[in-house]
Amino acid sequence: MTPMIAEITGNIQVAAAAIGATIGVGLVGMKAAEAVGRNPGAATPVLVQSLIGMALAEGIFFVAFFLK
């Protein structure tokens, strides 16, 4: 019984991390598009910062996935 509960808990943890990473990437992309719309001259710095933010958000999912 305990291994089955551990497996279910691990799956829930990975699903929550995937949902959180997806929401995080969506928010970063939304705000990056908004920032470029307000100031088109800052497109390159905004792109760099948004890519770093997206990589960090996706990193949380990969840590949860590989630690499961």
N, C-alpha and C. Protein backbone atom coordinates (compact mmCIF):
# COMPACT_ATOMS: atom_id res chain seq x y z
N MET A 1 0.82 -1.20 0.00
CA MET A 1 0.00 0.00 0.00
C MET A 1 0.87 1.26 0.00
N THR A 2 1.92 1.26 0.79
CA THR A 2 2.78 2.44 0.88
C THR A 2 3.48 2.76 -0.44
N PRO A 3 4.02 1.77 -1.18
CA PRO A 3 4.64 2.12 -2.47
C PRO A 3 3.65 2.72 -3.47
N MET A 4 2.40 2.27 -3.42
CA MET A 4 1.40 2.80 -4.33
C MET A 4 1.10 4.26 -3.99
N ILE A 5 1.00 4.57 -2.71
CA ILE A 5 0.75 5.96 -2.29
C ILE A 5 1.94 6.84 -2.65
N ALA A 6 3.16 6.31 -2.50
CA ALA A 6 4.35 7.08 -2.87
C ALA A 6 4.37 7.36 -4.37
N GLU A 7 3.97 6.39 -5.17
CA GLU A 7 3.93 6.59 -6.62
C GLU A 7 2.90 7.64 -7.00
N ILE A 8 1.73 7.59 -6.40
CA ILE A 8 0.68 8.57 -6.69
C ILE A 8 1.14 9.96 -6.26
N THR A 9 1.76 10.07 -5.10
CA THR A 9 2.24 11.36 -4.61
C THR A 9 3.30 11.94 -5.53
N GLY A 10 4.19 11.09 -6.02
CA GLY A 10 5.22 11.55 -6.96
C GLY A 10 4.62 12.04 -8.26
N ASN A 11 3.61 11.33 -8.75
CA ASN A 11 2.96 11.76 -9.99
C ASN A 11 2.25 13.09 -9.81
N ILE A 12 1.63 13.28 -8.67
CA ILE A 12 0.96 14.56 -8.39
C ILE A 12 1.98 15.68 -8.32
N GLN A 13 3.13 15.40 -7.72
CA GLN A 13 4.19 16.41 -7.61
C GLN A 13 4.68 16.82 -8.99
N VAL A 14 4.92 15.88 -9.87
CA VAL A 14 5.39 16.19 -11.22
C VAL A 14 4.32 16.95 -12.00
N ALA A 15 3.06 16.57 -11.84
CA ALA A 15 1.97 17.28 -12.52
C ALA A 15 1.87 18.72 -12.04
N ALA A 16 2.00 18.93 -10.75
CA ALA A 16 1.95 20.30 -10.21
C ALA A 16 3.12 21.13 -10.72
N ALA A 17 4.30 20.53 -10.80
CA ALA A 17 5.46 21.25 -11.32
C ALA A 17 5.27 21.59 -12.79
N ALA A 18 4.69 20.68 -13.56
CA ALA A 18 4.45 20.94 -14.99
C ALA A 18 3.44 22.07 -15.18
N ILE A 19 2.40 22.05 -14.38
CA ILE A 19 1.39 23.12 -14.48
C ILE A 19 2.00 24.46 -14.07
N GLY A 20 2.77 24.46 -13.00
CA GLY A 20 3.41 25.70 -12.54
C GLY A 20 4.40 26.24 -13.56
N ALA A 21 5.18 25.36 -14.18
CA ALA A 21 6.13 25.81 -15.19
C ALA A 21 5.41 26.37 -16.41
N THR A 22 4.31 25.75 -16.80
CA THR A 22 3.55 26.24 -17.94
C THR A 22 2.96 27.61 -17.66
N ILE A 23 2.43 27.80 -16.48
CA ILE A 23 1.88 29.11 -16.11
C ILE A 23 3.00 30.15 -16.06
N GLY A 24 4.15 29.77 -15.50
CA GLY A 24 5.27 30.70 -15.40
C GLY A 24 5.78 31.14 -16.77
N VAL A 25 5.93 30.19 -17.69
CA VAL A 25 6.39 30.53 -19.03
C VAL A 25 5.36 31.41 -19.74
N GLY A 26 4.10 31.12 -19.56
CA GLY A 26 3.05 31.95 -20.18
C GLY A 26 3.05 33.38 -19.66
N LEU A 27 3.24 33.53 -18.36
CA LEU A 27 3.28 34.87 -17.77
C LEU A 27 4.51 35.65 -18.24
N VAL A 28 5.66 34.97 -18.31
CA VAL A 28 6.87 35.64 -18.78
C VAL A 28 6.69 36.08 -20.22
N GLY A 29 6.14 35.20 -21.06
CA GLY A 29 5.92 35.56 -22.46
C GLY A 29 4.94 36.70 -22.62
N MET A 30 3.89 36.69 -21.81
CA MET A 30 2.89 37.76 -21.88
C MET A 30 3.50 39.11 -21.51
N LYS A 31 4.25 39.12 -20.43
CA LYS A 31 4.84 40.37 -19.98
C LYS A 31 5.96 40.84 -20.91
N ALA A 32 6.68 39.90 -21.53
CA ALA A 32 7.71 40.28 -22.49
C ALA A 32 7.08 40.93 -23.72
N ALA A 33 5.99 40.35 -24.20
CA ALA A 33 5.30 40.95 -25.35
C ALA A 33 4.75 42.33 -25.00
N GLU A 34 4.25 42.47 -23.79
CA GLU A 34 3.74 43.77 -23.34
C GLU A 34 4.87 44.80 -23.25
N ALA A 35 6.02 44.37 -22.75
CA ALA A 35 7.15 45.29 -22.62
C ALA A 35 7.67 45.72 -23.98
N VAL A 36 7.74 44.80 -24.93
CA VAL A 36 8.20 45.16 -26.28
C VAL A 36 7.18 46.05 -26.96
N GLY A 37 5.91 45.84 -26.69
CA GLY A 37 4.88 46.71 -27.26
C GLY A 37 4.98 48.13 -26.73
N ARG A 38 5.37 48.27 -25.48
CA ARG A 38 5.51 49.61 -24.89
C ARG A 38 6.79 50.30 -25.34
N ASN A 39 7.87 49.51 -25.50
CA ASN A 39 9.16 50.09 -25.87
C ASN A 39 9.85 49.17 -26.88
N PRO A 40 9.57 49.33 -28.17
CA PRO A 40 10.15 48.43 -29.17
C PRO A 40 11.68 48.49 -29.25
N GLY A 41 12.27 49.57 -28.82
CA GLY A 41 13.73 49.68 -28.85
C GLY A 41 14.42 48.77 -27.87
N ALA A 42 13.70 48.30 -26.87
CA ALA A 42 14.28 47.43 -25.85
C ALA A 42 13.97 45.97 -26.11
N ALA A 43 13.74 45.61 -27.37
CA ALA A 43 13.34 44.24 -27.68
C ALA A 43 14.43 43.23 -27.35
N THR A 44 15.68 43.55 -27.65
CA THR A 44 16.76 42.59 -27.39
C THR A 44 16.99 42.35 -25.90
N PRO A 45 17.09 43.40 -25.07
CA PRO A 45 17.24 43.13 -23.63
C PRO A 45 16.04 42.40 -23.02
N VAL A 46 14.85 42.71 -23.51
CA VAL A 46 13.66 42.03 -22.99
C VAL A 46 13.70 40.57 -23.40
N LEU A 47 14.13 40.28 -24.62
CA LEU A 47 14.24 38.90 -25.08
C LEU A 47 15.21 38.10 -24.21
N VAL A 48 16.36 38.70 -23.92
CA VAL A 48 17.36 38.01 -23.12
C VAL A 48 16.80 37.72 -21.72
N GLN A 49 16.20 38.70 -21.09
CA GLN A 49 15.66 38.51 -19.75
C GLN A 49 14.51 37.51 -19.75
N SER A 50 13.67 37.54 -20.78
CA SER A 50 12.55 36.60 -20.81
C SER A 50 13.02 35.17 -21.04
N LEU A 51 14.05 34.99 -21.85
CA LEU A 51 14.57 33.64 -22.05
C LEU A 51 15.18 33.09 -20.76
N ILE A 52 15.87 33.92 -20.01
CA ILE A 52 16.42 33.49 -18.72
C ILE A 52 15.29 33.13 -17.77
N GLY A 53 14.25 33.94 -17.73
CA GLY A 53 13.11 33.66 -16.86
C GLY A 53 12.39 32.38 -17.24
N MET A 54 12.22 32.15 -18.53
CA MET A 54 11.57 30.92 -18.99
C MET A 54 12.42 29.70 -18.66
N ALA A 55 13.73 29.82 -18.81
CA ALA A 55 14.61 28.69 -18.50
C ALA A 55 14.54 28.35 -17.02
N LEU A 56 14.48 29.35 -16.17
CA LEU A 56 14.38 29.09 -14.74
C LEU A 56 13.04 28.45 -14.38
N ALA A 57 11.97 28.89 -15.03
CA ALA A 57 10.66 28.30 -14.77
C ALA A 57 10.62 26.84 -15.23
N GLU A 58 11.22 26.56 -16.38
CA GLU A 58 11.25 25.18 -16.87
C GLU A 58 12.18 24.32 -16.03
N GLY A 59 13.20 24.91 -15.46
CA GLY A 59 14.15 24.16 -14.63
C GLY A 59 13.48 23.52 -13.43
N ILE A 60 12.48 24.18 -12.88
CA ILE A 60 11.76 23.62 -11.74
C ILE A 60 11.05 22.33 -12.13
N PHE A 61 10.48 22.32 -13.32
CA PHE A 61 9.82 21.09 -13.78
C PHE A 61 10.83 19.96 -13.96
N PHE A 62 11.97 20.26 -14.56
CA PHE A 62 12.96 19.21 -14.79
C PHE A 62 13.51 18.66 -13.48
N VAL A 63 13.69 19.51 -12.50
CA VAL A 63 14.15 19.02 -11.19
C VAL A 63 13.10 18.10 -10.59
N ALA A 64 11.85 18.50 -10.63
CA ALA A 64 10.78 17.65 -10.07
C ALA A 64 10.64 16.35 -10.85
N PHE A 65 10.79 16.41 -12.15
CA PHE A 65 10.64 15.21 -12.99
C PHE A 65 11.77 14.21 -12.74
N PHE A 66 13.00 14.69 -12.65
CA PHE A 66 14.13 13.78 -12.48
C PHE A 66 14.29 13.30 -11.04
N LEU A 67 13.74 14.03 -10.08
CA LEU A 67 13.82 13.57 -8.70
C LEU A 67 12.71 12.59 -8.34
N LYS A 68 11.72 12.47 -9.19
CA LYS A 68 10.62 11.55 -8.94
C LYS A 68 11.10 10.16 -9.00
